[in-house]
C-alpha atoms as a PDB file:
ATOM      1  CA  MET A   1      58.845 137.212  53.241  1.00  0.00           C
ATOM      2  CA  ARG A   2      59.818 140.043  51.125  1.00  0.00           C
ATOM      3  CA  LEU A   3      62.581 138.337  49.693  1.00  0.00           C
ATOM      4  CA  ARG A   4      60.356 135.166  48.898  1.00  0.00           C
ATOM      5  CA  ALA A   5      57.709 137.517  47.506  1.00  0.00           C
ATOM      6  CA  LEU A   6      60.229 139.236  45.093  1.00  0.00           C
ATOM      7  CA  ILE A   7      61.650 135.940  43.766  1.00  0.00           C
ATOM      8  CA  ALA A   8      58.178 134.650  43.073  1.00  0.00           C
ATOM      9  CA  ALA A   9      57.409 137.879  41.237  1.00  0.00           C
ATOM     10  CA  LEU A  10      60.572 137.643  38.988  1.00  0.00           C
ATOM     11  CA  ALA A  11      59.530 134.008  38.320  1.00  0.00           C
ATOM     12  CA  ALA A  12      56.049 134.916  37.244  1.00  0.00           C
ATOM     13  CA  THR A  13      57.423 137.601  34.936  1.00  0.00           C
ATOM     14  CA  ALA A  14      59.839 135.256  33.400  1.00  0.00           C
ATOM     15  CA  ALA A  15      57.045 132.694  32.484  1.00  0.00           C
ATOM     16  CA  LEU A  16      54.876 135.304  30.882  1.00  0.00           C
ATOM     17  CA  SER A  17      57.753 136.540  28.615  1.00  0.00           C
ATOM     18  CA  ALA A  18      58.278 133.042  27.386  1.00  0.00           C
ATOM     19  CA  CYS A  19      54.800 132.618  26.698  1.00  0.00           C
ATOM     20  CA  SER A  20      54.541 135.824  24.489  1.00  0.00           C
ATOM     21  CA  ALA A  21      57.724 135.015  22.748  1.00  0.00           C
ATOM     22  CA  SER A  22      56.149 131.774  21.671  1.00  0.00           C
ATOM     23  CA  ARG A  23      53.814 133.517  19.549  1.00  0.00           C
ATOM     24  CA  GLY A  24      54.538 133.942  15.806  1.00  0.00           C
ATOM     25  CA  ILE A  25      53.337 136.422  13.105  1.00  0.00           C
ATOM     26  CA  ASP A  26      51.251 135.052  10.354  1.00  0.00           C
ATOM     27  CA  ASP A  27      53.030 136.091   7.026  1.00  0.00           C
ATOM     28  CA  PHE A  28      50.196 137.218   5.741  1.00  0.00           C
ATOM     29  CA  ALA A  29      53.940 138.052 -34.096  1.00  0.00           C
ATOM     30  CA  SER A  30      51.825 135.632 -32.718  1.00  0.00           C
ATOM     31  CA  VAL A  31      48.604 133.798 -34.286  1.00  0.00           C
ATOM     32  CA  PRO A  32      45.499 136.127 -33.663  1.00  0.00           C
ATOM     33  CA  SER A  33      43.432 135.073 -30.577  1.00  0.00           C
ATOM     34  CA  GLN A  34      39.708 133.921 -31.239  1.00  0.00           C
ATOM     35  CA  GLU A  35      39.376 134.323 -27.491  1.00  0.00           C
ATOM     36  CA  ILE A  36      37.398 137.400 -27.627  1.00  0.00           C
ATOM     37  CA  THR A  37      34.459 138.790 -25.243  1.00  0.00           C
ATOM     38  CA  SER A  38      31.030 139.396 -26.193  1.00  0.00           C
ATOM     39  CA  SER A  39      32.608 142.889 -27.039  1.00  0.00           C
ATOM     40  CA  VAL A  40      32.544 141.938 -30.492  1.00  0.00           C
ATOM     41  CA  LYS A  41      30.115 139.334 -32.403  1.00  0.00           C
ATOM     42  CA  ARG A  42      31.698 135.937 -32.794  1.00  0.00           C
ATOM     43  CA  PRO A  43      31.556 134.025 -35.967  1.00  0.00           C
ATOM     44  CA  ASP A  44      30.226 130.843 -35.225  1.00  0.00           C
ATOM     45  CA  THR A  45      33.148 128.691 -36.455  1.00  0.00           C
ATOM     46  CA  GLY A  46      33.525 126.373 -33.401  1.00  0.00           C
ATOM     47  CA  LEU A  47      36.837 126.285 -31.527  1.00  0.00           C
ATOM     48  CA  SER A  48      40.018 128.226 -32.467  1.00  0.00           C
ATOM     49  CA  ALA A  49      43.203 126.178 -33.679  1.00  0.00           C
ATOM     50  CA  PRO A  50      44.937 127.410 -30.391  1.00  0.00           C
ATOM     51  CA  VAL A  51      41.958 126.084 -28.224  1.00  0.00           C
ATOM     52  CA  ALA A  52      41.730 123.128 -30.354  1.00  0.00           C
ATOM     53  CA  GLU A  53      45.276 121.949 -29.792  1.00  0.00           C
ATOM     54  CA  GLN A  54      44.671 122.109 -25.956  1.00  0.00           C
ATOM     55  CA  LEU A  55      41.793 119.381 -26.369  1.00  0.00           C
ATOM     56  CA  ARG A  56      43.021 115.843 -26.550  1.00  0.00           C
ATOM     57  CA  PRO A  57      40.999 113.377 -28.472  1.00  0.00           C
ATOM     58  CA  ALA A  58      40.410 111.472 -25.228  1.00  0.00           C
ATOM     59  CA  THR A  59      38.918 114.420 -23.456  1.00  0.00           C
ATOM     60  CA  ARG A  60      35.407 113.700 -22.272  1.00  0.00           C
ATOM     61  CA  ALA A  61      32.883 116.355 -22.442  1.00  0.00           C
ATOM     62  CA  VAL A  62      31.101 116.793 -19.194  1.00  0.00           C
ATOM     63  CA  ALA A  63      28.237 119.124 -18.681  1.00  0.00           C
ATOM     64  CA  LEU A  64      28.692 121.932 -16.059  1.00  0.00           C
ATOM     65  CA  VAL A  65      25.704 121.242 -13.978  1.00  0.00           C
ATOM     66  CA  GLU A  66      25.882 121.138 -10.108  1.00  0.00           C
ATOM     67  CA  SER A  67      24.066 118.053  -9.112  1.00  0.00           C
ATOM     68  CA  LYS A  68      25.452 117.511  -5.595  1.00  0.00           C
ATOM     69  CA  PRO A  69      27.647 118.877  -3.197  1.00  0.00           C
ATOM     70  CA  GLU A  70      31.288 119.019  -4.007  1.00  0.00           C
ATOM     71  CA  PRO A  71      34.507 118.903  -1.784  1.00  0.00           C
ATOM     72  CA  ALA A  72      35.611 122.241  -0.151  1.00  0.00           C
ATOM     73  CA  ILE A  73      36.865 124.518  -2.707  1.00  0.00           C
ATOM     74  CA  ASN A  74      40.049 125.572  -0.913  1.00  0.00           C
ATOM     75  CA  SER A  75      41.642 122.129  -0.972  1.00  0.00           C
ATOM     76  CA  LEU A  76      40.724 121.537  -4.729  1.00  0.00           C
ATOM     77  CA  VAL A  77      42.427 124.960  -5.736  1.00  0.00           C
ATOM     78  CA  GLU A  78      45.491 124.159  -3.412  1.00  0.00           C
ATOM     79  CA  GLU A  79      46.039 121.020  -5.508  1.00  0.00           C
ATOM     80  CA  GLN A  80      45.921 122.812  -8.774  1.00  0.00           C
ATOM     81  CA  GLU A  81      47.631 125.900  -7.687  1.00  0.00           C
ATOM     82  CA  LYS A  82      50.226 125.528  -4.755  1.00  0.00           C
ATOM     83  CA  ASP A  83      52.169 128.386  -5.967  1.00  0.00           C
ATOM     84  CA  VAL A  84      49.311 130.866  -5.702  1.00  0.00           C
ATOM     85  CA  ALA A  85      47.608 132.264  -2.502  1.00  0.00           C
ATOM     86  CA  GLN A  86      43.991 131.823  -2.113  1.00  0.00           C
ATOM     87  CA  THR A  87      43.425 134.860  -0.180  1.00  0.00           C
ATOM     88  CA  ASP A  88      44.799 138.400  -0.681  1.00  0.00           C
ATOM     89  CA  LEU A  89      43.570 138.351  -4.260  1.00  0.00           C
ATOM     90  CA  VAL A  90      43.856 142.101  -4.726  1.00  0.00           C
ATOM     91  CA  GLU A  91      46.216 144.398  -2.984  1.00  0.00           C
ATOM     92  CA  LYS A  92      44.484 147.202  -1.272  1.00  0.00           C
ATOM     93  CA  ALA A  93      45.316 150.552  -2.808  1.00  0.00           C
ATOM     94  CA  LYS A  94      44.650 152.433   0.316  1.00  0.00           C
ATOM     95  CA  PRO A  95      43.189 151.858   3.781  1.00  0.00           C
ATOM     96  CA  VAL A  96      39.548 150.756   3.797  1.00  0.00           C
ATOM     97  CA  ARG A  97      36.860 150.751   6.311  1.00  0.00           C
ATOM     98  CA  LYS A  98      35.189 147.508   7.548  1.00  0.00           C
ATOM     99  CA  ALA A  99      33.476 145.800   4.815  1.00  0.00           C
ATOM    100  CA  SER A 100      29.589 146.324   4.882  1.00  0.00           C
ATOM    101  CA  ALA A 101      28.307 144.722   1.621  1.00  0.00           C
ATOM    102  CA  ALA A 102      24.814 143.215   2.280  1.00  0.00           C
ATOM    103  CA  ARG A 103      24.872 139.618   1.835  1.00  0.00           C
ATOM    104  CA  GLY A 104      22.134 138.569  -0.537  1.00  0.00           C
ATOM    105  CA  LYS A 105      21.534 134.818  -1.541  1.00  0.00           C
ATOM    106  CA  VAL A 106      23.990 133.336  -3.826  1.00  0.00           C
ATOM    107  CA  GLN A 107      21.996 131.478  -6.407  1.00  0.00           C
ATOM    108  CA  ALA A 108      23.575 127.898  -7.534  1.00  0.00           C
ATOM    109  CA  GLN A 109      24.366 128.023 -11.119  1.00  0.00           C
ATOM    110  CA  ARG A 110      22.048 126.054 -13.645  1.00  0.00           C
ATOM    111  CA  PHE A 111      23.829 126.947 -16.701  1.00  0.00           C
ATOM    112  CA  ARG A 112      24.635 124.546 -19.472  1.00  0.00           C
ATOM    113  CA  ASP A 113      27.188 124.778 -22.180  1.00  0.00           C
ATOM    114  CA  ALA A 114      27.088 124.371 -25.974  1.00  0.00           C
ATOM    115  CA  LYS A 115      30.644 123.051 -25.925  1.00  0.00           C
ATOM    116  CA  PRO A 116      31.307 121.439 -22.570  1.00  0.00           C
ATOM    117  CA  ILE A 117      34.956 120.937 -21.612  1.00  0.00           C
ATOM    118  CA  ASN A 118      36.379 118.591 -18.881  1.00  0.00           C
ATOM    119  CA  PHE A 119      38.689 120.826 -17.009  1.00  0.00           C
ATOM    120  CA  GLY A 120      40.060 118.049 -14.972  1.00  0.00           C
ATOM    121  CA  LYS A 121      40.123 117.977 -11.136  1.00  0.00           C
ATOM    122  CA  THR A 122      39.105 121.578 -10.410  1.00  0.00           C
ATOM    123  CA  LYS A 123      36.083 122.340 -12.515  1.00  0.00           C
ATOM    124  CA  PRO A 124      34.093 125.521 -12.477  1.00  0.00           C
ATOM    125  CA  LYS A 125      31.460 123.909 -10.719  1.00  0.00           C
ATOM    126  CA  HIS A 126      33.442 123.739  -7.787  1.00  0.00           C
ATOM    127  CA  TYR A 127      33.445 127.501  -7.287  1.00  0.00           C
ATOM    128  CA  PRO A 128      30.067 128.363  -5.605  1.00  0.00           C
ATOM    129  CA  VAL A 129      29.686 131.929  -7.122  1.00  0.00           C
ATOM    130  CA  HIS A 130      29.067 132.182 -10.811  1.00  0.00           C
ATOM    131  CA  GLY A 131      28.421 135.195 -13.269  1.00  0.00           C
ATOM    132  CA  VAL A 132      28.064 136.363 -16.758  1.00  0.00           C
ATOM    133  CA  ASP A 133      29.578 139.163 -19.018  1.00  0.00           C
ATOM    134  CA  VAL A 134      27.235 140.652 -21.513  1.00  0.00           C
ATOM    135  CA  SER A 135      27.052 143.238 -24.410  1.00  0.00           C
ATOM    136  CA  ARG A 136      24.647 144.139 -27.176  1.00  0.00           C
ATOM    137  CA  TRP A 137      24.984 140.852 -28.682  1.00  0.00           C
ATOM    138  CA  GLN A 138      22.938 139.178 -25.926  1.00  0.00           C
ATOM    139  CA  GLY A 139      19.955 141.478 -27.142  1.00  0.00           C
ATOM    140  CA  ASN A 140      17.205 141.950 -24.529  1.00  0.00           C
ATOM    141  CA  ILE A 141      17.883 139.880 -21.447  1.00  0.00           C
ATOM    142  CA  ASP A 142      15.458 138.723 -18.975  1.00  0.00           C
ATOM    143  CA  TRP A 143      17.569 139.698 -15.887  1.00  0.00           C
ATOM    144  CA  ALA A 144      15.365 138.262 -13.244  1.00  0.00           C
ATOM    145  CA  LYS A 145      15.340 134.930 -14.955  1.00  0.00           C
ATOM    146  CA  LEU A 146      19.089 134.872 -15.501  1.00  0.00           C
ATOM    147  CA  ARG A 147      19.616 135.720 -11.912  1.00  0.00           C
ATOM    148  CA  THR A 148      17.590 132.416 -10.922  1.00  0.00           C
ATOM    149  CA  GLN A 149      19.992 130.289 -13.273  1.00  0.00           C
ATOM    150  CA  GLY A 150      22.931 131.428 -11.140  1.00  0.00           C
ATOM    151  CA  ALA A 151      24.223 134.702 -12.272  1.00  0.00           C
ATOM    152  CA  ASN A 152      25.379 136.249  -9.067  1.00  0.00           C
ATOM    153  CA  PHE A 153      27.195 138.979 -10.836  1.00  0.00           C
ATOM    154  CA  ALA A 154      27.393 140.698 -14.339  1.00  0.00           C
ATOM    155  CA  TYR A 155      30.176 142.508 -16.277  1.00  0.00           C
ATOM    156  CA  ILE A 156      28.306 144.848 -18.798  1.00  0.00           C
ATOM    157  CA  LYS A 157      29.936 146.046 -22.018  1.00  0.00           C
ATOM    158  CA  ALA A 158      29.853 149.828 -21.447  1.00  0.00           C
ATOM    159  CA  THR A 159      32.423 151.308 -23.910  1.00  0.00           C
ATOM    160  CA  ASP A 160      35.163 150.694 -26.535  1.00  0.00           C
ATOM    161  CA  GLY A 161      37.696 153.373 -27.826  1.00  0.00           C
ATOM    162  CA  GLY A 162      36.822 157.008 -27.313  1.00  0.00           C
ATOM    163  CA  ASP A 163      33.569 157.228 -28.988  1.00  0.00           C
ATOM    164  CA  HIS A 164      31.755 154.105 -28.855  1.00  0.00           C
ATOM    165  CA  LEU A 165      28.923 153.450 -26.270  1.00  0.00           C
ATOM    166  CA  ASP A 166      27.232 149.843 -26.194  1.00  0.00           C
ATOM    167  CA  PRO A 167      23.677 150.665 -27.229  1.00  0.00           C
ATOM    168  CA  MET A 168      22.496 148.156 -24.428  1.00  0.00           C
ATOM    169  CA  PHE A 169      24.507 149.347 -21.758  1.00  0.00           C
ATOM    170  CA  ASN A 170      22.078 151.769 -19.678  1.00  0.00           C
ATOM    171  CA  LYS A 171      19.357 149.369 -20.048  1.00  0.00           C
ATOM    172  CA  ASN A 172      21.604 146.499 -18.749  1.00  0.00           C
ATOM    173  CA  TRP A 173      23.027 148.661 -16.077  1.00  0.00           C
ATOM    174  CA  ARG A 174      19.731 149.431 -14.428  1.00  0.00           C
ATOM    175  CA  ALA A 175      18.026 146.110 -15.148  1.00  0.00           C
ATOM    176  CA  ALA A 176      20.862 144.032 -13.758  1.00  0.00           C
ATOM    177  CA  LYS A 177      20.856 145.925 -10.391  1.00  0.00           C
ATOM    178  CA  GLN A 178      16.999 145.601 -10.233  1.00  0.00           C
ATOM    179  CA  ALA A 179      17.264 141.999 -10.522  1.00  0.00           C
ATOM    180  CA  GLY A 180      19.778 141.750  -7.750  1.00  0.00           C
ATOM    181  CA  LEU A 181      22.885 141.050  -9.439  1.00  0.00           C
ATOM    182  CA  LYS A 182      26.212 142.663  -8.296  1.00  0.00           C
ATOM    183  CA  ARG A 183      27.156 144.352 -11.602  1.00  0.00           C
ATOM    184  CA  GLY A 184      30.100 146.204 -13.166  1.00  0.00           C
ATOM    185  CA  ALA A 185      31.032 147.865 -16.341  1.00  0.00           C
ATOM    186  CA  TYR A 186      33.977 146.921 -18.925  1.00  0.00           C
ATOM    187  CA  HIS A 187      35.788 149.017 -21.307  1.00  0.00           C
ATOM    188  CA  PHE A 188      37.160 147.520 -24.565  1.00  0.00           C
ATOM    189  CA  PHE A 189      40.719 149.084 -25.004  1.00  0.00           C
ATOM    190  CA  TYR A 190      41.232 150.277 -28.527  1.00  0.00           C
ATOM    191  CA  TRP A 191      45.123 150.267 -29.441  1.00  0.00           C
ATOM    192  CA  CYS A 192      44.735 153.096 -32.142  1.00  0.00           C
ATOM    193  CA  ARG A 193      43.373 155.836 -29.717  1.00  0.00           C
ATOM    194  CA  ASP A 194      45.473 157.502 -26.803  1.00  0.00           C
ATOM    195  CA  ALA A 195      44.544 156.242 -23.216  1.00  0.00           C
ATOM    196  CA  GLY A 196      43.430 159.419 -21.810  1.00  0.00           C
ATOM    197  CA  SER A 197      40.729 159.883 -24.070  1.00  0.00           C
ATOM    198  CA  GLN A 198      39.346 156.544 -23.640  1.00  0.00           C
ATOM    199  CA  ALA A 199      39.372 156.882 -19.834  1.00  0.00           C
ATOM    200  CA  ALA A 200      37.334 160.149 -20.302  1.00  0.00           C
ATOM    201  CA  TRP A 201      35.036 158.485 -22.441  1.00  0.00           C
ATOM    202  CA  PHE A 202      34.316 155.777 -20.034  1.00  0.00           C
ATOM    203  CA  ILE A 203      34.250 158.246 -17.289  1.00  0.00           C
ATOM    204  CA  ARG A 204      31.546 159.921 -19.388  1.00  0.00           C
ATOM    205  CA  ASN A 205      29.314 157.249 -19.630  1.00  0.00           C
ATOM    206  CA  VAL A 206      29.606 155.096 -16.445  1.00  0.00           C
ATOM    207  CA  PRO A 207      27.978 156.013 -13.531  1.00  0.00           C
ATOM    208  CA  ARG A 208      30.097 156.335 -10.278  1.00  0.00           C
ATOM    209  CA  ASP A 209      28.184 153.970  -7.976  1.00  0.00           C
ATOM    210  CA  PRO A 210      30.057 152.799  -4.904  1.00  0.00           C
ATOM    211  CA  GLU A 211      28.043 149.523  -4.788  1.00  0.00           C
ATOM    212  CA  ALA A 212      29.199 148.624  -8.292  1.00  0.00           C
ATOM    213  CA  LEU A 213      32.100 146.157  -8.858  1.00  0.00           C
ATOM    214  CA  PRO A 214      35.305 147.562  -9.905  1.00  0.00           C
ATOM    215  CA  PRO A 215      35.504 148.648 -13.756  1.00  0.00           C
ATOM    216  CA  VAL A 216      37.446 146.419 -16.051  1.00  0.00           C
ATOM    217  CA  ILE A 217      39.985 147.335 -18.711  1.00  0.00           C
ATOM    218  CA  ASP A 218      39.550 144.481 -21.341  1.00  0.00           C
ATOM    219  CA  VAL A 219      42.974 144.079 -23.334  1.00  0.00           C
ATOM    220  CA  GLU A 220      43.374 141.817 -26.127  1.00  0.00           C
ATOM    221  CA  TRP A 221      44.429 141.502 -29.711  1.00  0.00           C
ATOM    222  CA  ASN A 222      41.238 141.582 -31.790  1.00  0.00           C
ATOM    223  CA  HIS A 223      41.737 140.394 -35.147  1.00  0.00           C
ATOM    224  CA  LEU A 224      38.247 141.551 -36.178  1.00  0.00           C
ATOM    225  CA  SER A 225      38.639 145.243 -35.443  1.00  0.00           C
ATOM    226  CA  ASP A 226      39.589 147.934 -37.856  1.00  0.00           C
ATOM    227  CA  CYS A 227      42.631 148.527 -35.517  1.00  0.00           C
ATOM    228  CA  LYS A 228      45.534 146.453 -36.741  1.00  0.00           C
ATOM    229  CA  LYS A 229      48.280 148.172 -34.467  1.00  0.00           C
ATOM    230  CA  ARG A 230      50.069 145.935 -32.109  1.00  0.00           C
ATOM    231  CA  PRO A 231      52.217 148.333 -30.024  1.00  0.00           C
ATOM    232  CA  SER A 232      55.372 146.953 -28.288  1.00  0.00           C
ATOM    233  CA  ARG A 233      55.036 145.539 -24.618  1.00  0.00           C
ATOM    234  CA  GLU A 234      56.342 148.744 -23.287  1.00  0.00           C
ATOM    235  CA  ARG A 235      53.805 150.878 -24.897  1.00  0.00           C
ATOM    236  CA  VAL A 236      51.093 148.541 -23.845  1.00  0.00           C
ATOM    237  CA  LEU A 237      51.998 148.809 -20.602  1.00  0.00           C
ATOM    238  CA  GLU A 238      52.369 152.356 -20.566  1.00  0.00           C
ATOM    239  CA  LYS A 239      48.868 153.162 -22.002  1.00  0.00           C
ATOM    240  CA  MET A 240      47.257 150.562 -19.803  1.00  0.00           C
ATOM    241  CA  LYS A 241      48.865 152.188 -16.837  1.00  0.00           C
ATOM    242  CA  VAL A 242      47.444 155.916 -17.933  1.00  0.00           C
ATOM    243  CA  PHE A 243      44.122 154.280 -18.180  1.00  0.00           C
ATOM    244  CA  MET A 244      43.825 152.439 -15.239  1.00  0.00           C
ATOM    245  CA  GLU A 245      45.181 155.378 -12.979  1.00  0.00           C
ATOM    246  CA  LYS A 246      42.611 157.790 -14.408  1.00  0.00           C
ATOM    247  CA  ILE A 247      39.764 155.218 -13.705  1.00  0.00           C
ATOM    248  CA  GLU A 248      40.914 154.665 -10.138  1.00  0.00           C
ATOM    249  CA  ALA A 249      41.269 158.073  -9.510  1.00  0.00           C
ATOM    250  CA  HIS A 250      37.516 158.680 -10.585  1.00  0.00           C
ATOM    251  CA  TYR A 251      36.043 155.630  -9.320  1.00  0.00           C
ATOM    252  CA  GLY A 252      38.086 155.108  -6.041  1.00  0.00           C
ATOM    253  CA  GLN A 253      38.334 151.363  -7.014  1.00  0.00           C
ATOM    254  CA  ARG A 254      41.571 149.604  -8.651  1.00  0.00           C
ATOM    255  CA  PRO A 255      40.314 148.412 -12.116  1.00  0.00           C
ATOM    256  CA  VAL A 256      40.336 144.601 -12.937  1.00  0.00           C
ATOM    257  CA  ILE A 257      42.301 143.623 -15.958  1.00  0.00           C
ATOM    258  CA  TYR A 258      40.609 141.283 -18.332  1.00  0.00           C
ATOM    259  CA  THR A 259      42.883 139.448 -20.924  1.00  0.00           C
ATOM    260  CA  ALA A 260      43.269 136.425 -23.052  1.00  0.00           C
ATOM    261  CA  PRO A 261      46.145 133.677 -23.539  1.00  0.00           C
ATOM    262  CA  ASP A 262      47.904 135.289 -26.445  1.00  0.00           C
ATOM    263  CA  PHE A 263      47.776 138.901 -25.383  1.00  0.00           C
ATOM    264  CA  TYR A 264      48.874 137.833 -21.909  1.00  0.00           C
ATOM    265  CA  ASP A 265      52.102 135.932 -23.332  1.00  0.00           C
ATOM    266  CA  ASP A 266      53.176 139.000 -25.362  1.00  0.00           C
ATOM    267  CA  ASN A 267      52.530 141.479 -22.755  1.00  0.00           C
ATOM    268  CA  LEU A 268      51.501 140.708 -19.298  1.00  0.00           C
ATOM    269  CA  ARG A 269      53.469 138.177 -17.904  1.00  0.00           C
ATOM    270  CA  GLY A 270      55.061 139.424 -14.713  1.00  0.00           C
ATOM    271  CA  ALA A 271      53.317 142.891 -15.035  1.00  0.00           C
ATOM    272  CA  PHE A 272      50.687 144.557 -12.867  1.00  0.00           C
ATOM    273  CA  ALA A 273      51.238 142.382  -9.752  1.00  0.00           C
ATOM    274  CA  ASN A 274      49.310 144.290  -7.662  1.00  0.00           C
ATOM    275  CA  TYR A 275      45.977 144.471  -9.968  1.00  0.00           C
ATOM    276  CA  PRO A 276      43.115 141.983  -9.928  1.00  0.00           C
ATOM    277  CA  PHE A 277      42.886 139.858 -13.042  1.00  0.00           C
ATOM    278  CA  TRP A 278      39.884 138.250 -14.744  1.00  0.00           C
ATOM    279  CA  LEU A 279      41.323 135.448 -17.028  1.00  0.00           C
ATOM    280  CA  ARG A 280      39.700 133.724 -20.196  1.00  0.00           C
ATOM    281  CA  ALA A 281      40.770 130.027 -20.165  1.00  0.00           C
ATOM    282  CA  VAL A 282      38.162 128.108 -22.018  1.00  0.00           C
ATOM    283  CA  ALA A 283      39.832 124.858 -22.465  1.00  0.00           C
ATOM    284  CA  GLN A 284      42.071 124.339 -19.218  1.00  0.00           C
ATOM    285  CA  HIS A 285      42.268 125.768 -15.726  1.00  0.00           C
ATOM    286  CA  PRO A 286      43.793 129.105 -15.479  1.00  0.00           C
ATOM    287  CA  SER A 287      46.519 127.667 -13.397  1.00  0.00           C
ATOM    288  CA  LYS A 288      47.602 125.842 -16.523  1.00  0.00           C
ATOM    289  CA  VAL A 289      47.173 128.693 -18.968  1.00  0.00           C
ATOM    290  CA  TYR A 290      48.549 131.473 -16.947  1.00  0.00           C
ATOM    291  CA  PRO A 291      50.983 129.808 -14.294  1.00  0.00           C
ATOM    292  CA  GLY A 292      51.606 131.777 -11.251  1.00  0.00           C
ATOM    293  CA  ARG A 293      49.131 134.297 -11.820  1.00  0.00           C
ATOM    294  CA  LYS A 294      46.780 135.504  -9.164  1.00  0.00           C
ATOM    295  CA  TRP A 295      43.057 135.972 -10.363  1.00  0.00           C
ATOM    296  CA  VAL A 296      39.741 137.065  -9.127  1.00  0.00           C
ATOM    297  CA  PHE A 297      37.600 135.813 -11.971  1.00  0.00           C
ATOM    298  CA  TRP A 298      37.754 133.003 -14.242  1.00  0.00           C
ATOM    299  CA  GLN A 299      35.629 133.264 -17.652  1.00  0.00           C
ATOM    300  CA  TYR A 300      35.607 129.608 -18.384  1.00  0.00           C
ATOM    301  CA  SER A 301      33.237 129.635 -21.451  1.00  0.00           C
ATOM    302  CA  GLY A 302      32.126 131.755 -24.450  1.00  0.00           C
ATOM    303  CA  SER A 303      29.287 129.198 -25.330  1.00  0.00           C
ATOM    304  CA  GLY A 304      27.189 129.132 -22.090  1.00  0.00           C
ATOM    305  CA  LEU A 305      23.411 128.540 -22.646  1.00  0.00           C
ATOM    306  CA  SER A 306      20.760 129.972 -19.989  1.00  0.00           C
ATOM    307  CA  GLN A 307      17.324 130.825 -19.496  1.00  0.00           C
ATOM    308  CA  GLY A 308      16.572 134.527 -19.886  1.00  0.00           C
ATOM    309  CA  VAL A 309      19.189 135.178 -22.771  1.00  0.00           C
ATOM    310  CA  ASN A 310      18.714 133.820 -26.412  1.00  0.00           C
ATOM    311  CA  GLY A 311      21.888 132.476 -27.856  1.00  0.00           C
ATOM    312  CA  LYS A 312      25.230 132.113 -26.232  1.00  0.00           C
ATOM    313  CA  ILE A 313      26.692 133.949 -23.055  1.00  0.00           C
ATOM    314  CA  ASP A 314      29.947 134.245 -21.520  1.00  0.00           C
ATOM    315  CA  LEU A 315      30.250 132.112 -18.186  1.00  0.00           C
ATOM    316  CA  ASN A 316      32.612 133.259 -15.413  1.00  0.00           C
ATOM    317  CA  VAL A 317      33.137 132.295 -11.726  1.00  0.00           C
ATOM    318  CA  PHE A 318      34.840 134.140  -8.613  1.00  0.00           C
ATOM    319  CA  ARG A 319      37.502 132.647  -7.088  1.00  0.00           C
ATOM    320  CA  GLY A 320      36.796 131.870  -3.661  1.00  0.00           C
ATOM    321  CA  SER A 321      33.905 130.733  -1.130  1.00  0.00           C
ATOM    322  CA  GLU A 322      30.649 132.744  -0.627  1.00  0.00           C
ATOM    323  CA  SER A 323      32.191 134.378   2.570  1.00  0.00           C
ATOM    324  CA  GLU A 324      35.237 135.286   0.497  1.00  0.00           C
ATOM    325  CA  TRP A 325      33.093 136.709  -2.326  1.00  0.00           C
ATOM    326  CA  TRP A 326      31.103 138.910   0.155  1.00  0.00           C
ATOM    327  CA  ASN A 327      34.276 139.992   2.070  1.00  0.00           C
ATOM    328  CA  TRP A 328      35.846 141.007  -1.510  1.00  0.00           C
ATOM    329  CA  VAL A 329      32.604 142.752  -2.603  1.00  0.00           C
ATOM    330  CA  GLY A 330      32.465 144.576   0.724  1.00  0.00           C
ATOM    331  CA  ARG A 331      36.315 145.659   0.470  1.00  0.00           C
ATOM    332  CA  GLN A 332      35.453 147.133  -2.991  1.00  0.00           C
ATOM    333  CA  GLU A 333      32.488 149.075  -1.867  1.00  0.00           C
ATOM    334  CA  ALA A 334      34.240 150.369   1.273  1.00  0.00           C
ATOM    335  CA  VAL A 335      37.094 151.588  -1.034  1.00  0.00           C
ATOM    336  CA  ALA A 336      34.778 153.238  -3.210  1.00  0.00           C
ATOM    337  CA  SER A 337      32.499 154.832  -0.592  1.00  0.00           C
ATOM    338  CA  ALA A 338      35.855 156.308   1.160  1.00  0.00           C
ATOM    339  CA  ASP A 339      36.331 158.833  -1.537  1.00  0.00           C
END
């Protein structure tokens, strides 16, 4: 009996080992750009030449208005971006607590576009979480009305260079939160000023709020600026790194990098892989304009129209589902609160 019991026990142990072994581990001199943000006033001259070249005569204009449920976003994005993972959009800079962001209602977008574009199979309306970015040029905004039109988040112009504060920043900062939007601040980087003083100026003017979205560094070639300097790629990356490290040390969140196609081609291909990106692509899907680059936000229009705003407004989407949005927001809040 003892011998038979011993043999049975050994057989059971071997079976359990085989079962455990079967479990795998989940692996987890270029032409100046017209693609500028609302940080500077746009001359109303229509599409720039680089953008116009992307538009074929046969392109059909379609309104970006959601009229019925669309296919699941993951399958659509996978078709467009097979080489870019949908999850793990941002590498965590440090261990974080469990995400705890309060989940409000995601408003369906009801924006219109003065210059609608056919983006192909994966359109902005296929992404459920839409938002805007604003500056002084939008004037007095009715934030409560803008929220009802589908603005779930807003990036608000705060500073540029080392001495300019957007005159509408403080008002917009308070009003956006009161209206229930997730909001963050952005800094327009000035290439004729040192990075450290620009970071200090941003920190001086933008409150540290753990519920805010991560700060943004807006890097572009701005032909309307009085600064005509175009540093080398090495110098650009060095200055950005100084600014971003100071911002992250203060706010506890890794900054988001906003950029446009020409600046990206000159400086950012293959750089800052562990930073979240916000990409401007107003004529094609980001997978076409920035192949292989992971992104968190896509600015798809600089000619949006909405109730609550006089004139045009920049339109954006978050890359992911509603649950992925709240999970991402929760991670950012957890990181900021950990400090």
